[in-house]
C-alpha atoms as a PDB file:
ATOM      1  CA  MET A   1     106.775 170.075 158.349  1.00  0.00           C
ATOM      2  CA  ASN A   2     108.504 172.065 155.650  1.00  0.00           C
ATOM      3  CA  THR A   3     111.880 171.318 154.064  1.00  0.00           C
ATOM      4  CA  HIS A   4     114.195 172.084 151.151  1.00  0.00           C
ATOM      5  CA  PHE A   5     116.548 169.297 150.057  1.00  0.00           C
ATOM      6  CA  ASP A   6     120.055 169.873 148.700  1.00  0.00           C
ATOM      7  CA  HIS A   7     120.075 170.356 144.928  1.00  0.00           C
ATOM      8  CA  HIS A   8     123.580 168.971 144.254  1.00  0.00           C
ATOM      9  CA  GLY A   9     124.117 165.844 146.339  1.00  0.00           C
ATOM     10  CA  GLN A  10     122.126 162.677 145.747  1.00  0.00           C
ATOM     11  CA  MET A  11     123.510 161.103 148.926  1.00  0.00           C
ATOM     12  CA  ALA A  12     122.571 164.227 150.905  1.00  0.00           C
ATOM     13  CA  ARG A  13     118.981 163.980 149.628  1.00  0.00           C
ATOM     14  CA  GLU A  14     118.775 160.281 150.500  1.00  0.00           C
ATOM     15  CA  ASN A  15     120.144 160.859 154.008  1.00  0.00           C
ATOM     16  CA  THR A  16     117.853 163.851 154.512  1.00  0.00           C
ATOM     17  CA  ALA A  17     114.835 161.700 153.603  1.00  0.00           C
ATOM     18  CA  ARG A  18     115.870 159.105 156.197  1.00  0.00           C
ATOM     19  CA  LEU A  19     116.500 161.813 158.801  1.00  0.00           C
ATOM     20  CA  ILE A  20     113.082 163.385 158.199  1.00  0.00           C
ATOM     21  CA  LEU A  21     111.359 160.035 158.776  1.00  0.00           C
ATOM     22  CA  LYS A  22     113.257 159.702 162.057  1.00  0.00           C
ATOM     23  CA  ARG A  23     112.265 163.257 163.067  1.00  0.00           C
ATOM     24  CA  ILE A  24     108.616 162.547 162.270  1.00  0.00           C
ATOM     25  CA  GLU A  25     108.771 159.449 164.456  1.00  0.00           C
ATOM     26  CA  HIS A  26     110.429 161.434 167.276  1.00  0.00           C
ATOM     27  CA  PHE A  27     108.106 164.459 167.206  1.00  0.00           C
ATOM     28  CA  ASN A  28     104.843 162.720 166.347  1.00  0.00           C
ATOM     29  CA  LYS A  29     104.598 160.195 169.151  1.00  0.00           C
ATOM     30  CA  LYS A  30     100.814 160.701 169.298  1.00  0.00           C
ATOM     31  CA  ASN A  31     100.562 159.659 165.637  1.00  0.00           C
ATOM     32  CA  LEU A  32      98.749 162.869 164.656  1.00  0.00           C
ATOM     33  CA  PRO A  33      97.882 163.732 161.037  1.00  0.00           C
ATOM     34  CA  LEU A  34     100.919 164.915 159.105  1.00  0.00           C
ATOM     35  CA  LEU A  35     101.798 167.276 156.253  1.00  0.00           C
ATOM     36  CA  LEU A  36     105.341 167.285 154.882  1.00  0.00           C
ATOM     37  CA  MET A  37     105.951 169.655 152.011  1.00  0.00           C
ATOM     38  CA  LYS A  38     108.230 171.713 149.827  1.00  0.00           C
ATOM     39  CA  ASP A  39     111.150 171.328 147.439  1.00  0.00           C
ATOM     40  CA  PHE A  40     112.699 167.869 147.583  1.00  0.00           C
ATOM     41  CA  ASN A  41     114.871 168.367 144.465  1.00  0.00           C
ATOM     42  CA  ALA A  42     114.124 164.807 143.364  1.00  0.00           C
ATOM     43  CA  THR A  43     111.761 163.325 140.811  1.00  0.00           C
ATOM     44  CA  PRO A  44     109.174 160.697 141.811  1.00  0.00           C
ATOM     45  CA  GLU A  45     111.291 157.713 140.747  1.00  0.00           C
ATOM     46  CA  GLU A  46     114.396 158.829 142.654  1.00  0.00           C
ATOM     47  CA  ILE A  47     115.466 157.144 145.897  1.00  0.00           C
ATOM     48  CA  PRO A  48     114.756 160.081 148.298  1.00  0.00           C
ATOM     49  CA  ILE A  49     111.106 160.174 147.235  1.00  0.00           C
ATOM     50  CA  GLN A  50     110.826 156.392 147.418  1.00  0.00           C
ATOM     51  CA  ILE A  51     112.260 156.505 150.959  1.00  0.00           C
ATOM     52  CA  LEU A  52     109.731 159.127 152.042  1.00  0.00           C
ATOM     53  CA  LYS A  53     106.807 157.238 150.524  1.00  0.00           C
ATOM     54  CA  THR A  54     107.447 154.314 152.912  1.00  0.00           C
ATOM     55  CA  LYS A  55     105.725 156.312 155.683  1.00  0.00           C
ATOM     56  CA  PRO A  56     103.669 159.313 154.539  1.00  0.00           C
ATOM     57  CA  THR A  57     101.752 159.203 151.249  1.00  0.00           C
ATOM     58  CA  ASP A  58     102.251 161.403 148.202  1.00  0.00           C
ATOM     59  CA  ALA A  59      99.130 163.589 148.330  1.00  0.00           C
ATOM     60  CA  LEU A  60      98.914 163.652 144.546  1.00  0.00           C
ATOM     61  CA  GLU A  61      98.413 159.879 144.544  1.00  0.00           C
ATOM     62  CA  ILE A  62      95.405 160.045 146.883  1.00  0.00           C
ATOM     63  CA  SER A  63      93.757 163.229 145.632  1.00  0.00           C
ATOM     64  CA  GLU A  64      90.045 162.745 144.958  1.00  0.00           C
ATOM     65  CA  LYS A  65      90.346 164.914 141.838  1.00  0.00           C
ATOM     66  CA  PRO A  66      92.993 164.534 139.129  1.00  0.00           C
ATOM     67  CA  LEU A  67      95.970 166.888 139.048  1.00  0.00           C
ATOM     68  CA  TYR A  68      95.161 170.406 137.892  1.00  0.00           C
ATOM     69  CA  GLY A  69      98.026 172.079 136.037  1.00  0.00           C
ATOM     70  CA  PRO A  70     101.283 170.866 134.520  1.00  0.00           C
ATOM     71  CA  PRO A  71     102.756 167.541 135.659  1.00  0.00           C
ATOM     72  CA  GLY A  72     105.983 169.176 136.801  1.00  0.00           C
ATOM     73  CA  THR A  73     106.984 171.847 139.292  1.00  0.00           C
ATOM     74  CA  ALA A  74     110.517 172.790 138.166  1.00  0.00           C
ATOM     75  CA  ASN A  75     111.193 174.903 135.107  1.00  0.00           C
ATOM     76  CA  GLY A  76     114.784 175.975 135.719  1.00  0.00           C
ATOM     77  CA  PHE A  77     113.512 179.579 135.748  1.00  0.00           C
ATOM     78  CA  THR A  78     112.955 179.556 132.005  1.00  0.00           C
ATOM     79  CA  ASP A  79     109.890 179.624 129.781  1.00  0.00           C
ATOM     80  CA  ARG A  80     110.245 175.900 129.024  1.00  0.00           C
ATOM     81  CA  LYS A  81     107.346 173.530 129.525  1.00  0.00           C
ATOM     82  CA  ILE A  82     107.229 172.282 133.118  1.00  0.00           C
ATOM     83  CA  VAL A  83     107.631 168.493 133.220  1.00  0.00           C
ATOM     84  CA  ASN A  84     109.986 167.651 136.124  1.00  0.00           C
ATOM     85  CA  ARG A  85     108.265 167.305 139.472  1.00  0.00           C
ATOM     86  CA  ILE A  86     110.473 168.122 142.485  1.00  0.00           C
ATOM     87  CA  ASP A  87     107.929 169.681 144.874  1.00  0.00           C
ATOM     88  CA  TYR A  88     105.581 167.527 146.936  1.00  0.00           C
ATOM     89  CA  PHE A  89     103.028 167.336 149.707  1.00  0.00           C
ATOM     90  CA  PHE A  90     103.249 164.132 151.702  1.00  0.00           C
ATOM     91  CA  THR A  91     100.432 163.321 154.104  1.00  0.00           C
ATOM     92  CA  LYS A  92      99.325 160.900 156.764  1.00  0.00           C
ATOM     93  CA  ASP A  93      95.717 160.700 157.863  1.00  0.00           C
ATOM     94  CA  VAL A  94      94.711 163.713 155.752  1.00  0.00           C
ATOM     95  CA  LYS A  95      91.935 163.627 153.157  1.00  0.00           C
ATOM     96  CA  VAL A  96      93.120 165.239 149.902  1.00  0.00           C
ATOM     97  CA  LEU A  97      90.231 166.705 147.941  1.00  0.00           C
ATOM     98  CA  SER A  98      92.251 168.217 145.094  1.00  0.00           C
ATOM     99  CA  TYR A  99      95.838 168.823 144.034  1.00  0.00           C
ATOM    100  CA  ALA A 100      97.148 171.590 141.766  1.00  0.00           C
ATOM    101  CA  HIS A 101     100.425 172.745 140.270  1.00  0.00           C
ATOM    102  CA  ILE A 102      99.934 176.453 139.650  1.00  0.00           C
ATOM    103  CA  ASP A 103     101.541 177.674 136.409  1.00  0.00           C
ATOM    104  CA  ASP A 104     100.719 181.384 136.588  1.00  0.00           C
ATOM    105  CA  ARG A 105     103.025 183.673 134.622  1.00  0.00           C
ATOM    106  CA  ARG A 106     103.192 187.399 134.092  1.00  0.00           C
ATOM    107  CA  ASP A 107     102.488 188.984 130.710  1.00  0.00           C
ATOM    108  CA  ASN A 108     106.245 188.857 129.938  1.00  0.00           C
ATOM    109  CA  ASN A 109     106.205 185.034 130.408  1.00  0.00           C
ATOM    110  CA  ILE A 110     108.169 185.325 133.682  1.00  0.00           C
ATOM    111  CA  TYR A 111     107.074 183.400 136.776  1.00  0.00           C
ATOM    112  CA  PRO A 112     106.278 185.481 139.884  1.00  0.00           C
ATOM    113  CA  SER A 113     108.968 183.582 141.824  1.00  0.00           C
ATOM    114  CA  MET A 114     111.656 184.752 139.393  1.00  0.00           C
ATOM    115  CA  ARG A 115     111.540 188.470 140.275  1.00  0.00           C
END
């Protein structure tokens, strides 16, 4: 599953997290392995992430190797150091060998996603 949570409303993110768990339950009746990923617009300590972690697991927490790259995934499209994590992979019954946050930039210090 792939998603992109609202970036303005905290309540919208919390309700979206609850809705996603309900959708997983509805569509995964055979209890198959699961990957849920993308931009959740919430840091690890925020309620939407805590809600999600009640079912699937944060893949970073179970990776066999330590995180490669910066701790964060959101830079606000600037050249600032990346410290805020808002992008995740959640898993169920998936072995995570390694986990990386790619911080590749062009020679002009611009991220590929910016242009």
